[in-house]
Amino acid sequence: MNLNKKLYRSTTDNKLAGVCGGIAEYLDIDSTILRLIWILVVVFTGFVPGILVYIVAAIIMPVAPTVIPTPPTE
């Protein structure tokens, strides 16, 4: 288990704010499965709490840092 793993919003796998993509990257699962689970939870628990949790997560979770590749040295 990697203890240095951090939870970020995804910049590459995002549909709205990158919350589900970031959680899927953190948990190392397919983001489509996580999005389907999220939709089912929102539908069966009520739209307002599920959407509110997503908005709060989008505000609280930091965006993943961009990695700038360094050119090879000769």
N, C-alpha and C. Protein backbone atom coordinates (compact mmCIF):
# COMPACT_ATOMS: atom_id res chain seq x y z
N MET A 1 0.85 -1.18 0.00
CA MET A 1 0.00 0.00 0.00
C MET A 1 0.89 1.24 0.00
N ASN A 2 0.57 2.16 -0.88
CA ASN A 2 1.35 3.39 -1.00
C ASN A 2 0.80 4.43 -0.03
N LEU A 3 1.58 4.79 0.97
CA LEU A 3 1.12 5.76 1.96
C LEU A 3 1.27 7.20 1.48
N ASN A 4 2.01 7.41 0.40
CA ASN A 4 2.21 8.76 -0.12
C ASN A 4 1.15 9.14 -1.15
N LYS A 5 0.17 8.29 -1.35
CA LYS A 5 -0.89 8.53 -2.32
C LYS A 5 -1.80 9.65 -1.81
N LYS A 6 -2.14 10.59 -2.69
CA LYS A 6 -3.02 11.70 -2.30
C LYS A 6 -4.22 11.76 -3.23
N LEU A 7 -5.31 12.27 -2.70
CA LEU A 7 -6.55 12.38 -3.45
C LEU A 7 -6.62 13.75 -4.12
N TYR A 8 -6.72 13.73 -5.44
CA TYR A 8 -6.82 14.96 -6.23
C TYR A 8 -7.98 14.83 -7.21
N ARG A 9 -8.50 15.98 -7.66
CA ARG A 9 -9.43 15.97 -8.78
C ARG A 9 -8.62 15.69 -10.04
N SER A 10 -9.15 14.89 -10.92
CA SER A 10 -8.43 14.52 -12.13
C SER A 10 -8.49 15.64 -13.16
N THR A 11 -7.37 15.84 -13.83
CA THR A 11 -7.34 16.80 -14.93
C THR A 11 -7.44 16.10 -16.28
N THR A 12 -7.22 14.79 -16.29
CA THR A 12 -7.27 14.04 -17.55
C THR A 12 -8.55 13.24 -17.70
N ASP A 13 -9.15 12.80 -16.60
CA ASP A 13 -10.36 11.97 -16.64
C ASP A 13 -11.49 12.72 -15.94
N ASN A 14 -11.96 13.78 -16.59
CA ASN A 14 -13.02 14.58 -15.97
C ASN A 14 -14.18 14.77 -16.93
N LYS A 15 -15.36 14.75 -16.36
CA LYS A 15 -16.58 15.05 -17.12
C LYS A 15 -17.16 16.38 -16.65
N LEU A 16 -17.26 16.56 -15.35
CA LEU A 16 -17.73 17.83 -14.80
C LEU A 16 -16.57 18.56 -14.11
N ALA A 17 -16.19 18.07 -12.94
CA ALA A 17 -15.13 18.74 -12.19
C ALA A 17 -13.95 17.82 -11.92
N GLY A 18 -14.02 16.56 -12.34
CA GLY A 18 -12.93 15.64 -12.13
C GLY A 18 -12.96 14.90 -10.81
N VAL A 19 -14.06 15.02 -10.06
CA VAL A 19 -14.16 14.39 -8.75
C VAL A 19 -14.18 12.87 -8.89
N CYS A 20 -15.07 12.33 -9.69
CA CYS A 20 -15.14 10.88 -9.85
C CYS A 20 -13.88 10.32 -10.49
N GLY A 21 -13.32 11.03 -11.44
CA GLY A 21 -12.06 10.59 -12.05
C GLY A 21 -10.93 10.55 -11.06
N GLY A 22 -10.87 11.55 -10.18
CA GLY A 22 -9.83 11.58 -9.16
C GLY A 22 -10.00 10.48 -8.12
N ILE A 23 -11.23 10.23 -7.70
CA ILE A 23 -11.48 9.16 -6.73
C ILE A 23 -11.17 7.81 -7.37
N ALA A 24 -11.53 7.64 -8.64
CA ALA A 24 -11.24 6.38 -9.33
C ALA A 24 -9.73 6.16 -9.47
N GLU A 25 -8.98 7.20 -9.77
CA GLU A 25 -7.52 7.08 -9.84
C GLU A 25 -6.96 6.72 -8.47
N TYR A 26 -7.49 7.32 -7.42
CA TYR A 26 -7.02 7.05 -6.06
C TYR A 26 -7.30 5.61 -5.65
N LEU A 27 -8.50 5.12 -5.99
CA LEU A 27 -8.88 3.76 -5.63
C LEU A 27 -8.42 2.72 -6.65
N ASP A 28 -7.85 3.17 -7.75
CA ASP A 28 -7.34 2.32 -8.82
C ASP A 28 -8.45 1.43 -9.40
N ILE A 29 -9.59 2.08 -9.73
CA ILE A 29 -10.69 1.40 -10.39
C ILE A 29 -11.09 2.20 -11.62
N ASP A 30 -11.93 1.61 -12.44
CA ASP A 30 -12.39 2.28 -13.65
C ASP A 30 -13.34 3.42 -13.28
N SER A 31 -13.13 4.57 -13.86
CA SER A 31 -13.94 5.74 -13.51
C SER A 31 -15.39 5.59 -13.97
N THR A 32 -15.64 4.82 -15.02
CA THR A 32 -17.01 4.61 -15.49
C THR A 32 -17.83 3.86 -14.44
N ILE A 33 -17.22 2.87 -13.82
CA ILE A 33 -17.91 2.12 -12.78
C ILE A 33 -18.24 3.04 -11.60
N LEU A 34 -17.28 3.86 -11.22
CA LEU A 34 -17.51 4.78 -10.10
C LEU A 34 -18.60 5.79 -10.44
N ARG A 35 -18.63 6.28 -11.67
CA ARG A 35 -19.67 7.23 -12.07
C ARG A 35 -21.06 6.57 -12.04
N LEU A 36 -21.14 5.31 -12.49
CA LEU A 36 -22.42 4.60 -12.44
C LEU A 36 -22.88 4.39 -11.00
N ILE A 37 -21.96 4.04 -10.12
CA ILE A 37 -22.30 3.88 -8.70
C ILE A 37 -22.77 5.21 -8.13
N TRP A 38 -22.07 6.29 -8.47
CA TRP A 38 -22.43 7.63 -7.98
C TRP A 38 -23.84 8.00 -8.44
N ILE A 39 -24.16 7.73 -9.71
CA ILE A 39 -25.49 8.05 -10.23
C ILE A 39 -26.56 7.25 -9.49
N LEU A 40 -26.31 5.96 -9.26
CA LEU A 40 -27.27 5.14 -8.53
C LEU A 40 -27.48 5.64 -7.10
N VAL A 41 -26.40 6.02 -6.44
CA VAL A 41 -26.52 6.56 -5.08
C VAL A 41 -27.32 7.85 -5.09
N VAL A 42 -27.06 8.72 -6.05
CA VAL A 42 -27.79 9.99 -6.13
C VAL A 42 -29.28 9.75 -6.39
N VAL A 43 -29.59 8.83 -7.29
CA VAL A 43 -30.99 8.57 -7.62
C VAL A 43 -31.73 7.96 -6.44
N PHE A 44 -31.10 7.01 -5.75
CA PHE A 44 -31.82 6.29 -4.69
C PHE A 44 -31.79 7.00 -3.33
N THR A 45 -30.91 7.96 -3.13
CA THR A 45 -30.88 8.68 -1.86
C THR A 45 -31.47 10.07 -1.97
N GLY A 46 -31.79 10.49 -3.13
CA GLY A 46 -32.31 11.83 -3.32
C GLY A 46 -31.28 12.68 -4.04
N PHE A 47 -31.73 13.50 -4.94
CA PHE A 47 -30.82 14.28 -5.77
C PHE A 47 -30.06 15.34 -4.99
N VAL A 48 -30.71 16.00 -4.07
CA VAL A 48 -30.08 17.14 -3.38
C VAL A 48 -28.86 16.72 -2.56
N PRO A 49 -28.93 15.68 -1.70
CA PRO A 49 -27.73 15.32 -0.93
C PRO A 49 -26.58 14.86 -1.80
N GLY A 50 -26.87 14.06 -2.83
CA GLY A 50 -25.81 13.55 -3.70
C GLY A 50 -25.12 14.66 -4.48
N ILE A 51 -25.90 15.57 -5.01
CA ILE A 51 -25.33 16.67 -5.78
C ILE A 51 -24.59 17.62 -4.85
N LEU A 52 -25.11 17.84 -3.66
CA LEU A 52 -24.43 18.70 -2.69
C LEU A 52 -23.07 18.12 -2.29
N VAL A 53 -23.01 16.81 -2.08
CA VAL A 53 -21.74 16.16 -1.74
C VAL A 53 -20.74 16.31 -2.89
N TYR A 54 -21.20 16.17 -4.13
CA TYR A 54 -20.32 16.33 -5.28
C TYR A 54 -19.78 17.76 -5.36
N ILE A 55 -20.64 18.74 -5.13
CA ILE A 55 -20.20 20.14 -5.19
C ILE A 55 -19.19 20.44 -4.09
N VAL A 56 -19.45 19.94 -2.89
CA VAL A 56 -18.51 20.14 -1.79
C VAL A 56 -17.18 19.46 -2.10
N ALA A 57 -17.23 18.25 -2.65
CA ALA A 57 -15.98 17.56 -3.01
C ALA A 57 -15.23 18.32 -4.09
N ALA A 58 -15.94 18.89 -5.05
CA ALA A 58 -15.28 19.67 -6.11
C ALA A 58 -14.61 20.92 -5.54
N ILE A 59 -15.17 21.48 -4.49
CA ILE A 59 -14.58 22.67 -3.89
C ILE A 59 -13.40 22.31 -3.00
N ILE A 60 -13.52 21.22 -2.24
CA ILE A 60 -12.49 20.85 -1.26
C ILE A 60 -11.30 20.15 -1.89
N MET A 61 -11.54 19.24 -2.84
CA MET A 61 -10.44 18.46 -3.43
C MET A 61 -9.55 19.35 -4.29
N PRO A 62 -8.24 19.29 -4.08
CA PRO A 62 -7.35 20.09 -4.93
C PRO A 62 -7.20 19.45 -6.31
N VAL A 63 -6.88 20.27 -7.29
CA VAL A 63 -6.65 19.79 -8.65
C VAL A 63 -5.29 19.10 -8.68
N ALA A 64 -5.20 18.02 -9.43
CA ALA A 64 -3.94 17.28 -9.54
C ALA A 64 -2.86 18.18 -10.13
N PRO A 65 -1.67 18.13 -9.56
CA PRO A 65 -0.59 18.96 -10.10
C PRO A 65 -0.18 18.46 -11.48
N THR A 66 0.14 19.39 -12.35
CA THR A 66 0.58 19.01 -13.69
C THR A 66 2.07 18.73 -13.65
N VAL A 67 2.45 17.68 -14.33
CA VAL A 67 3.86 17.30 -14.38
C VAL A 67 4.41 17.76 -15.71
N ILE A 68 5.44 18.59 -15.65
CA ILE A 68 6.07 19.10 -16.85
C ILE A 68 7.28 18.22 -17.14
N PRO A 69 7.27 17.55 -18.30
CA PRO A 69 8.40 16.66 -18.60
C PRO A 69 9.68 17.47 -18.83
N THR A 70 10.75 16.95 -18.33
CA THR A 70 12.03 17.62 -18.52
C THR A 70 12.72 17.03 -19.75
N PRO A 71 13.36 17.88 -20.54
CA PRO A 71 14.04 17.38 -21.73
C PRO A 71 15.26 16.54 -21.32
N PRO A 72 15.57 15.55 -22.11
CA PRO A 72 16.74 14.73 -21.77
C PRO A 72 18.03 15.53 -21.87
N THR A 73 18.93 15.26 -20.97
CA THR A 73 20.23 15.95 -20.99
C THR A 73 21.24 15.12 -21.75
N GLU A 74 22.12 15.82 -22.42
CA GLU A 74 23.14 15.13 -23.20
C GLU A 74 24.49 15.30 -22.59
